[in-house]
Amino acid sequence: MKHLLLLFLLGLLYLTPAYTQGNYKAGYVVNLSGDTLTGFIDYRDWNKNPQQIFFKKDLNARTPDSYSVKNASAFAVNGYELYRKYTVSVSQNLDEQIDLAERVDSTYTIDTVFLRLLIKGKYVSLYQYEDALKQRFYIADKNQVPYELIYRRYFDPTLHILGDRIYLGQLKRLASIYQPQNMALQTEITTIPYYSNELKKIATEINGNLIDNEFNKLDIGTRPLFFIGVSLTSTTEQVKGNNEFATAGASTSIFPQINLGLDLIFNKNVGTSLVRAELGLSGNKTSLSTSVSPYSTTGTDYLKFNQYTASLSVQYLYNFINTVTTKFYLGAGATINYSAYTNEQTYGMASGSKYTIPSVALEPPGFFTPKASVGLMANKKIDVHLAWIPPSPIDSNPQYYIRFTSYQFGVNYRFDK
């Protein structure tokens, strides 16, 4: 199984140059002269607003052009995302509870950034900006430069978390200008939280539902995809510590495994990273023997048992190659295992006679193991992968333990469109 893993990795490395084109989708760039350049943009999983993007006029071009706020005023991935360059104030107060200040922090910087369009309407447009510090929202009154919707969290002297919700007043002002008769909207704004979907809803109502761009329907949220699969699992078990079977070497057996799982893709339009939860059911047969000299007679002691294991693994997967037809990923995570043991035998044989020896503890039935994987996804549905569970102890006996190692080679079928 180790040799199979090596061959699989070498094959992937051989294929990598042919599939490093990136995730290019139709789009355009607006340069500083106002010219619109149509072509293809390398669409990535932009958890933070991008500072640089790669663009090709021709999809087959070998080298892409790079664009940033220094040489572009806007860019768009058709049907997915639109970014525009603005020079805006950017609040610097920390947002995570562990980092909150004990007073309102109103510091800000002035920066030129790409803002992502969320809503473009008749009266107002809503934008989003996220950097390493936090997420912020901006709103533009008609064709004016967007300004930040301010929300500052902080601790009061009694260490209660308070929020300086300036954005509520900002939204109410716009609502009173463009929807003066809509008192229900004013009331709704009073309790609106600082979240994307809620702010988009309010912006849409301020516009009187008159929104007019293709990006309004964009949803870059998570996407769950189910899969089933089968694997061949090579399991090696070995006794370690103060036990006679510690000198017995290792026992390896190969068993089929059934897999059922769910891939949760963070940005369904890109699919660069995802979380995989997978249920598995497999087994192995362990047979260990060691030479002993009971009563001045040479004999052999045996340890045998069958182990059937149900597992739940959770992994983070990242696609280092991410094209429409081919994805190559590496993954890491952990597995919860629960084993049932049958046909347990511990005995000795000497001069044709069988004798009794102390049993070996196989409990506890539940144990944790790390897990790493590498795989190749073809046509969004066929996932060929190798997984490795490194040597892990599965017994809490203070004198000795059983070490568990596993390699898996499998194929999953994902239910994708």
Protein backbone atom coordinates (compact mmCIF):
# COMPACT_ATOMS: atom_id res chain seq x y z
CA MET A 1 0.00 0.00 0.00
CA LYS A 2 2.91 2.38 0.66
CA HIS A 3 4.20 1.76 -2.87
CA LEU A 4 0.72 2.45 -4.26
CA LEU A 5 0.65 5.78 -2.41
CA LEU A 6 4.03 6.73 -3.90
CA LEU A 7 2.92 5.83 -7.44
CA PHE A 8 -0.30 7.78 -7.00
CA LEU A 9 1.57 10.90 -5.89
CA LEU A 10 4.08 10.60 -8.72
CA GLY A 11 1.23 10.34 -11.19
CA LEU A 12 -0.38 13.47 -9.82
CA LEU A 13 2.89 15.37 -10.00
CA TYR A 14 3.26 14.27 -13.62
CA LEU A 15 -0.22 15.54 -14.46
CA THR A 16 0.05 18.81 -12.52
CA PRO A 17 1.66 20.97 -15.28
CA ALA A 18 -1.20 20.14 -17.63
CA TYR A 19 -3.83 21.37 -15.19
CA THR A 20 -2.41 24.54 -13.71
CA GLN A 21 -4.43 26.90 -15.88
CA GLY A 22 -6.42 28.13 -12.87
CA ASN A 23 -10.14 28.54 -12.52
CA TYR A 24 -10.66 30.98 -15.40
CA LYS A 25 -14.17 32.24 -16.06
CA ALA A 26 -15.51 34.83 -18.48
CA GLY A 27 -15.21 38.36 -17.20
CA TYR A 28 -13.79 41.80 -17.82
CA VAL A 29 -11.41 44.41 -16.46
CA VAL A 30 -11.88 48.17 -16.66
CA ASN A 31 -8.49 49.88 -16.90
CA LEU A 32 -7.60 53.35 -15.63
CA SER A 33 -8.46 54.87 -19.00
CA GLY A 34 -12.01 53.54 -18.73
CA ASP A 35 -11.55 50.89 -21.42
CA THR A 36 -13.29 47.57 -20.83
CA LEU A 37 -11.12 44.55 -21.58
CA THR A 38 -13.12 41.37 -22.05
CA GLY A 39 -11.59 37.98 -21.44
CA PHE A 40 -11.20 35.54 -18.57
CA ILE A 41 -10.46 36.05 -14.87
CA ASP A 42 -8.90 33.48 -12.55
CA TYR A 43 -11.86 33.20 -10.17
CA ARG A 44 -10.63 32.25 -6.73
CA ASP A 45 -12.08 31.64 -3.30
CA TRP A 46 -11.76 35.26 -2.21
CA ASN A 47 -12.47 35.06 1.51
CA LYS A 48 -11.01 38.55 1.67
CA ASN A 49 -11.39 41.20 -1.01
CA PRO A 50 -8.65 40.57 -3.57
CA GLN A 51 -5.78 42.98 -3.94
CA GLN A 52 -4.68 41.44 -7.24
CA ILE A 53 -6.35 39.35 -9.94
CA PHE A 54 -5.10 37.49 -13.03
CA PHE A 55 -6.65 38.10 -16.45
CA LYS A 56 -6.33 36.53 -19.89
CA LYS A 57 -7.73 37.97 -23.08
CA ASP A 58 -7.38 34.52 -24.62
CA LEU A 59 -8.10 31.48 -22.48
CA ASN A 60 -5.22 29.62 -24.14
CA ALA A 61 -2.66 32.34 -23.36
CA ARG A 62 0.22 30.90 -21.36
CA THR A 63 0.92 33.95 -19.17
CA PRO A 64 -1.87 36.00 -17.58
CA ASP A 65 -1.81 39.75 -16.95
CA SER A 66 -2.13 40.95 -13.37
CA TYR A 67 -4.38 43.80 -12.27
CA SER A 68 -4.67 45.66 -8.99
CA VAL A 69 -5.91 49.06 -7.82
CA LYS A 70 -2.79 50.49 -9.48
CA ASN A 71 -3.90 49.66 -13.01
CA ALA A 72 -7.63 48.80 -12.85
CA SER A 73 -10.76 50.62 -11.71
CA ALA A 74 -13.10 47.61 -11.76
CA PHE A 75 -13.34 43.96 -12.70
CA ALA A 76 -16.07 41.35 -12.84
CA VAL A 77 -16.51 37.61 -13.17
CA ASN A 78 -19.64 37.44 -15.31
CA GLY A 79 -22.64 36.30 -13.34
CA TYR A 80 -20.68 35.91 -10.12
CA GLU A 81 -18.91 38.93 -8.65
CA LEU A 82 -18.21 42.58 -9.47
CA TYR A 83 -15.55 44.71 -7.76
CA ARG A 84 -15.03 48.46 -8.06
CA LYS A 85 -12.09 50.55 -6.90
CA TYR A 86 -12.75 53.30 -4.38
CA THR A 87 -10.72 55.36 -1.95
CA VAL A 88 -12.60 55.06 1.32
CA SER A 89 -12.21 55.25 5.08
CA VAL A 90 -11.64 51.83 6.65
CA SER A 91 -12.47 51.38 10.33
CA GLN A 92 -9.74 49.77 12.44
CA ASN A 93 -11.63 48.67 15.55
CA LEU A 94 -11.31 44.98 16.36
CA ASP A 95 -14.44 42.87 16.12
CA GLU A 96 -13.65 39.52 17.76
CA GLN A 97 -14.80 39.24 21.37
CA ILE A 98 -11.35 38.31 22.65
CA ASP A 99 -9.90 41.48 21.04
CA LEU A 100 -12.55 44.05 22.01
CA ALA A 101 -11.41 47.32 23.54
CA GLU A 102 -12.85 48.68 26.79
CA ARG A 103 -14.10 51.79 25.03
CA VAL A 104 -15.32 52.78 21.59
CA ASP A 105 -12.48 52.62 19.08
CA SER A 106 -13.15 55.09 16.26
CA THR A 107 -9.77 54.85 14.53
CA TYR A 108 -9.71 54.48 10.75
CA THR A 109 -7.38 54.66 7.78
CA ILE A 110 -7.85 55.92 4.26
CA ASP A 111 -7.17 53.27 1.65
CA THR A 112 -7.82 52.48 -2.00
CA VAL A 113 -9.43 49.07 -2.30
CA PHE A 114 -11.70 46.92 -4.42
CA LEU A 115 -15.20 46.87 -2.94
CA ARG A 116 -17.46 43.96 -3.86
CA LEU A 117 -20.89 44.95 -5.13
CA LEU A 118 -23.77 43.30 -3.27
CA ILE A 119 -26.74 45.41 -4.42
CA LYS A 120 -26.99 47.98 -7.20
CA GLY A 121 -30.27 49.83 -7.08
CA LYS A 122 -32.06 52.90 -8.31
CA TYR A 123 -31.14 54.93 -5.23
CA VAL A 124 -28.42 53.18 -3.24
CA SER A 125 -25.78 50.52 -3.82
CA LEU A 126 -24.42 48.19 -1.15
CA TYR A 127 -20.81 46.98 -1.06
CA GLN A 128 -18.73 44.65 1.10
CA TYR A 129 -15.07 44.83 2.12
CA GLU A 130 -13.19 42.26 4.21
CA ASP A 131 -9.50 42.25 5.09
CA ALA A 132 -7.44 40.44 7.68
CA LEU A 133 -9.01 42.55 10.42
CA LYS A 134 -12.76 42.14 9.86
CA GLN A 135 -15.71 42.46 7.49
CA ARG A 136 -17.30 45.82 6.72
CA PHE A 137 -20.19 47.07 4.59
CA TYR A 138 -20.36 50.24 2.53
CA ILE A 139 -23.28 52.07 0.98
CA ALA A 140 -23.35 54.58 -1.86
CA ASP A 141 -26.06 57.21 -2.27
CA LYS A 142 -26.78 57.11 -6.01
CA ASN A 143 -23.48 57.75 -7.82
CA GLN A 144 -21.56 59.06 -4.82
CA VAL A 145 -18.46 57.43 -3.33
CA PRO A 146 -19.49 54.66 -0.91
CA TYR A 147 -19.09 55.25 2.82
CA GLU A 148 -18.78 52.68 5.56
CA LEU A 149 -21.79 51.54 7.56
CA ILE A 150 -20.27 51.87 11.00
CA TYR A 151 -20.60 49.22 13.69
CA ARG A 152 -18.23 49.20 16.66
CA ARG A 153 -18.33 46.60 19.42
CA TYR A 154 -16.63 47.21 22.74
CA PHE A 155 -16.63 46.35 26.46
CA ASP A 156 -18.30 48.73 28.90
CA PRO A 157 -16.73 49.27 32.39
CA THR A 158 -18.65 46.23 33.71
CA LEU A 159 -17.23 44.11 30.86
CA HIS A 160 -20.55 43.74 29.05
CA ILE A 161 -20.32 43.76 25.26
CA LEU A 162 -21.98 46.81 23.74
CA GLY A 163 -22.42 47.85 20.13
CA ASP A 164 -22.15 51.34 18.71
CA ARG A 165 -24.68 50.80 15.90
CA ILE A 166 -24.16 53.95 13.87
CA TYR A 167 -25.20 52.05 10.73
CA LEU A 168 -28.83 52.04 11.94
CA GLY A 169 -28.99 55.83 11.77
CA GLN A 170 -27.23 55.84 8.41
CA LEU A 171 -29.79 53.44 6.95
CA LYS A 172 -32.73 55.30 8.51
CA ARG A 173 -31.57 58.54 6.91
CA LEU A 174 -31.51 56.93 3.46
CA ALA A 175 -34.88 55.28 4.06
CA SER A 176 -36.44 58.61 5.05
CA ILE A 177 -35.14 60.19 1.82
CA TYR A 178 -36.14 57.50 -0.67
CA GLN A 179 -39.04 55.76 1.11
CA PRO A 180 -40.51 58.53 3.30
CA GLN A 181 -43.96 56.92 3.54
CA ASN A 182 -42.66 53.52 4.56
CA MET A 183 -42.75 53.70 8.37
CA ALA A 184 -42.55 49.91 8.63
CA LEU A 185 -39.12 50.11 7.01
CA GLN A 186 -37.95 52.56 9.69
CA THR A 187 -39.11 50.15 12.38
CA GLU A 188 -37.45 47.20 10.63
CA ILE A 189 -34.12 49.01 10.44
CA THR A 190 -34.16 49.54 14.22
CA THR A 191 -33.43 45.87 14.87
CA ILE A 192 -31.47 44.89 11.76
CA PRO A 193 -28.21 43.03 12.57
CA TYR A 194 -24.91 43.75 10.84
CA TYR A 195 -25.05 40.78 8.46
CA SER A 196 -24.87 40.59 4.68
CA ASN A 197 -28.30 39.10 3.96
CA GLU A 198 -30.13 41.47 6.32
CA LEU A 199 -28.37 44.55 4.95
CA LYS A 200 -29.06 43.44 1.39
CA LYS A 201 -32.74 43.11 2.27
CA ILE A 202 -32.83 46.65 3.71
CA ALA A 203 -30.94 48.09 0.72
CA THR A 204 -33.43 46.43 -1.62
CA GLU A 205 -36.36 47.99 0.26
CA ILE A 206 -34.72 51.42 0.27
CA ASN A 207 -34.50 51.06 -3.51
CA GLY A 208 -38.20 50.25 -3.67
CA ASN A 209 -37.19 46.82 -5.00
CA LEU A 210 -35.77 48.56 -8.08
CA ILE A 211 -32.46 46.74 -8.41
CA ASP A 212 -30.98 46.19 -11.81
CA ASN A 213 -27.77 44.23 -12.01
CA GLU A 214 -26.97 40.57 -12.63
CA PHE A 215 -24.99 40.24 -9.42
CA ASN A 216 -28.01 40.77 -7.16
CA LYS A 217 -28.90 37.08 -7.45
CA LEU A 218 -25.40 35.92 -6.64
CA ASP A 219 -25.06 33.46 -3.80
CA ILE A 220 -21.50 32.47 -2.94
CA GLY A 221 -22.58 30.57 0.13
CA THR A 222 -21.81 26.99 1.04
CA ARG A 223 -23.00 24.08 -1.04
CA PRO A 224 -23.53 20.55 0.35
CA LEU A 225 -22.85 17.59 -1.95
CA PHE A 226 -23.37 13.96 -0.96
CA PHE A 227 -21.22 11.04 -2.08
CA ILE A 228 -20.91 7.29 -1.70
CA GLY A 229 -17.82 5.17 -2.22
CA VAL A 230 -15.82 2.06 -1.63
CA SER A 231 -12.24 1.62 -0.49
CA LEU A 232 -9.67 -1.04 0.11
CA THR A 233 -8.28 -0.54 3.60
CA SER A 234 -4.92 -1.95 4.65
CA THR A 235 -4.75 -2.00 8.45
CA THR A 236 -1.64 -2.78 10.46
CA GLU A 237 -1.75 -3.43 14.20
CA GLN A 238 1.19 -3.87 16.52
CA VAL A 239 1.59 -4.27 20.27
CA LYS A 240 3.90 -1.76 21.95
CA GLY A 241 5.13 -1.53 25.52
CA ASN A 242 5.56 -4.05 28.32
CA ASN A 243 3.87 -7.07 26.78
CA GLU A 244 5.22 -10.30 25.31
CA PHE A 245 3.55 -9.56 21.94
CA ALA A 246 5.62 -6.38 21.58
CA THR A 247 8.24 -8.65 19.98
CA ALA A 248 5.72 -10.24 17.62
CA GLY A 249 6.11 -7.72 14.81
CA ALA A 250 3.02 -6.41 13.02
CA SER A 251 -0.12 -7.91 11.55
CA THR A 252 -1.56 -6.47 8.33
CA SER A 253 -4.84 -7.30 6.64
CA ILE A 254 -6.81 -5.81 3.75
CA PHE A 255 -10.56 -5.29 4.01
CA PRO A 256 -13.18 -3.49 1.89
CA GLN A 257 -14.68 -0.32 3.30
CA ILE A 258 -18.00 1.37 2.54
CA ASN A 259 -18.05 5.17 2.61
CA LEU A 260 -20.94 7.63 2.85
CA GLY A 261 -20.33 11.34 3.20
CA LEU A 262 -20.95 14.99 2.60
CA ASP A 263 -18.74 17.68 1.04
CA LEU A 264 -19.51 21.19 2.24
CA ILE A 265 -18.01 23.62 -0.28
CA PHE A 266 -17.37 27.10 1.11
CA ASN A 267 -17.83 29.01 -2.16
CA LYS A 268 -19.88 26.87 -4.49
CA ASN A 269 -18.92 28.99 -7.50
CA VAL A 270 -15.21 28.35 -6.97
CA GLY A 271 -14.83 25.20 -4.91
CA THR A 272 -11.24 25.77 -3.81
CA SER A 273 -11.75 24.60 -0.24
CA LEU A 274 -14.28 22.40 1.50
CA VAL A 275 -15.00 20.37 4.60
CA ARG A 276 -15.62 16.66 4.15
CA ALA A 277 -17.54 14.58 6.69
CA GLU A 278 -17.42 10.86 5.98
CA LEU A 279 -18.86 7.74 7.57
CA GLY A 280 -16.98 4.49 7.01
CA LEU A 281 -17.43 0.85 7.90
CA SER A 282 -14.56 -1.62 7.63
CA GLY A 283 -12.68 -4.34 9.48
CA ASN A 284 -9.43 -6.21 9.85
CA LYS A 285 -8.07 -9.49 11.14
CA THR A 286 -5.10 -9.40 13.47
CA SER A 287 -2.85 -12.40 14.03
CA LEU A 288 0.35 -12.06 16.09
CA SER A 289 2.72 -14.72 17.34
CA THR A 290 5.90 -14.70 19.38
CA SER A 291 8.31 -17.41 20.47
CA VAL A 292 8.53 -18.17 24.20
CA SER A 293 10.14 -20.79 26.43
CA PRO A 294 7.52 -21.90 28.97
CA TYR A 295 8.72 -24.46 31.48
CA SER A 296 12.06 -24.86 29.61
CA THR A 297 10.17 -25.86 26.47
CA THR A 298 10.19 -23.75 23.30
CA GLY A 299 6.70 -22.70 22.34
CA THR A 300 4.71 -20.00 20.51
CA ASP A 301 2.14 -17.62 21.99
CA TYR A 302 -0.66 -16.32 19.77
CA LEU A 303 -2.92 -13.27 19.79
CA LYS A 304 -5.79 -13.25 17.30
CA PHE A 305 -8.92 -11.16 16.94
CA ASN A 306 -11.27 -9.64 14.40
CA GLN A 307 -11.92 -5.92 14.56
CA TYR A 308 -14.90 -4.20 12.91
CA THR A 309 -14.74 -0.41 12.96
CA ALA A 310 -17.29 2.31 12.27
CA SER A 311 -15.67 5.69 11.78
CA LEU A 312 -16.62 9.32 11.35
CA SER A 313 -13.92 11.52 9.86
CA VAL A 314 -13.93 15.27 9.33
CA GLN A 315 -11.30 16.78 7.03
CA TYR A 316 -10.45 20.12 5.52
CA LEU A 317 -9.65 19.72 1.82
CA TYR A 318 -7.89 22.23 -0.39
CA ASN A 319 -7.81 21.95 -4.19
CA PHE A 320 -4.33 22.90 -5.34
CA ILE A 321 -5.47 22.23 -8.90
CA ASN A 322 -8.97 23.59 -9.41
CA THR A 323 -10.29 23.51 -12.96
CA VAL A 324 -13.79 22.81 -14.22
CA THR A 325 -12.95 19.19 -15.08
CA THR A 326 -10.07 18.33 -12.75
CA LYS A 327 -9.30 18.99 -9.10
CA PHE A 328 -6.30 17.78 -7.12
CA TYR A 329 -6.60 18.09 -3.38
CA LEU A 330 -4.80 17.50 -0.12
CA GLY A 331 -6.71 17.03 3.10
CA ALA A 332 -6.14 16.78 6.83
CA GLY A 333 -8.40 16.11 9.77
CA ALA A 334 -9.36 13.64 12.47
CA THR A 335 -11.42 10.48 12.82
CA ILE A 336 -13.60 9.15 15.61
CA ASN A 337 -13.51 5.34 15.56
CA TYR A 338 -15.67 2.79 17.35
CA SER A 339 -14.60 -0.84 17.17
CA ALA A 340 -16.24 -4.15 18.03
CA TYR A 341 -13.94 -7.13 18.62
CA THR A 342 -14.86 -10.75 17.88
CA ASN A 343 -13.15 -14.13 17.87
CA GLU A 344 -10.55 -13.00 20.39
CA GLN A 345 -7.98 -15.70 21.11
CA THR A 346 -4.87 -15.64 23.29
CA TYR A 347 -3.16 -18.99 23.78
CA GLY A 348 0.15 -20.81 23.54
CA MET A 349 1.35 -23.95 21.80
CA ALA A 350 4.30 -26.08 22.91
CA SER A 351 5.12 -29.68 21.91
CA GLY A 352 1.70 -30.00 20.29
CA SER A 353 -0.12 -28.98 23.48
CA LYS A 354 -2.21 -25.87 23.95
CA TYR A 355 -1.86 -23.82 27.12
CA THR A 356 -3.52 -20.73 28.56
CA ILE A 357 -1.89 -17.30 28.67
CA PRO A 358 -3.21 -13.95 29.95
CA SER A 359 -5.52 -12.12 27.54
CA VAL A 360 -4.58 -8.81 25.94
CA ALA A 361 -6.86 -5.85 26.62
CA LEU A 362 -8.55 -4.61 23.44
CA GLU A 363 -10.52 -1.82 25.09
CA PRO A 364 -11.52 0.95 24.89
CA PRO A 365 -13.66 0.44 21.78
CA GLY A 366 -13.64 4.16 20.93
CA PHE A 367 -10.50 6.02 19.89
CA PHE A 368 -9.36 9.06 17.92
CA THR A 369 -6.90 9.06 15.02
CA PRO A 370 -5.54 11.80 12.73
CA LYS A 371 -6.14 11.43 9.00
CA ALA A 372 -4.50 12.79 5.86
CA SER A 373 -5.60 12.31 2.27
CA VAL A 374 -4.70 13.10 -1.32
CA GLY A 375 -7.05 12.79 -4.24
CA LEU A 376 -8.05 13.59 -7.78
CA MET A 377 -11.59 14.67 -8.70
CA ALA A 378 -12.64 14.23 -12.33
CA ASN A 379 -15.73 15.77 -13.96
CA LYS A 380 -17.03 16.93 -10.56
CA LYS A 381 -18.19 13.41 -9.69
CA ILE A 382 -15.44 10.77 -9.67
CA ASP A 383 -13.08 11.08 -6.72
CA VAL A 384 -10.05 8.77 -6.64
CA HIS A 385 -8.13 9.13 -3.40
CA LEU A 386 -5.64 7.74 -0.95
CA ALA A 387 -5.91 8.26 2.79
CA TRP A 388 -3.45 7.62 5.57
CA ILE A 389 -4.08 7.19 9.27
CA PRO A 390 -0.65 7.47 10.91
CA PRO A 391 0.39 5.15 13.77
CA SER A 392 -2.05 5.80 16.61
CA PRO A 393 -2.50 4.09 19.99
CA ILE A 394 -5.93 2.54 20.54
CA ASP A 395 -5.51 1.15 24.05
CA SER A 396 -5.18 2.99 27.35
CA ASN A 397 -3.54 0.17 29.31
CA PRO A 398 -0.72 1.74 31.40
CA GLN A 399 1.71 -1.10 30.58
CA TYR A 400 1.20 -1.49 26.83
CA TYR A 401 -0.96 -0.42 23.91
CA ILE A 402 -1.97 -1.54 20.44
CA ARG A 403 -0.80 0.73 17.63
CA PHE A 404 -3.15 1.18 14.69
CA THR A 405 -2.06 2.29 11.19
CA SER A 406 -4.19 2.36 8.05
CA TYR A 407 -3.92 3.10 4.33
CA GLN A 408 -7.02 3.47 2.19
CA PHE A 409 -7.36 3.49 -1.57
CA GLY A 410 -10.85 4.33 -2.72
CA VAL A 411 -13.25 5.76 -5.25
CA ASN A 412 -16.19 8.01 -4.37
CA TYR A 413 -19.09 9.05 -6.55
CA ARG A 414 -20.33 12.56 -5.81
CA PHE A 415 -23.92 13.52 -6.63
CA ASP A 416 -23.25 16.74 -8.52
CA LYS A 417 -24.99 18.33 -11.47
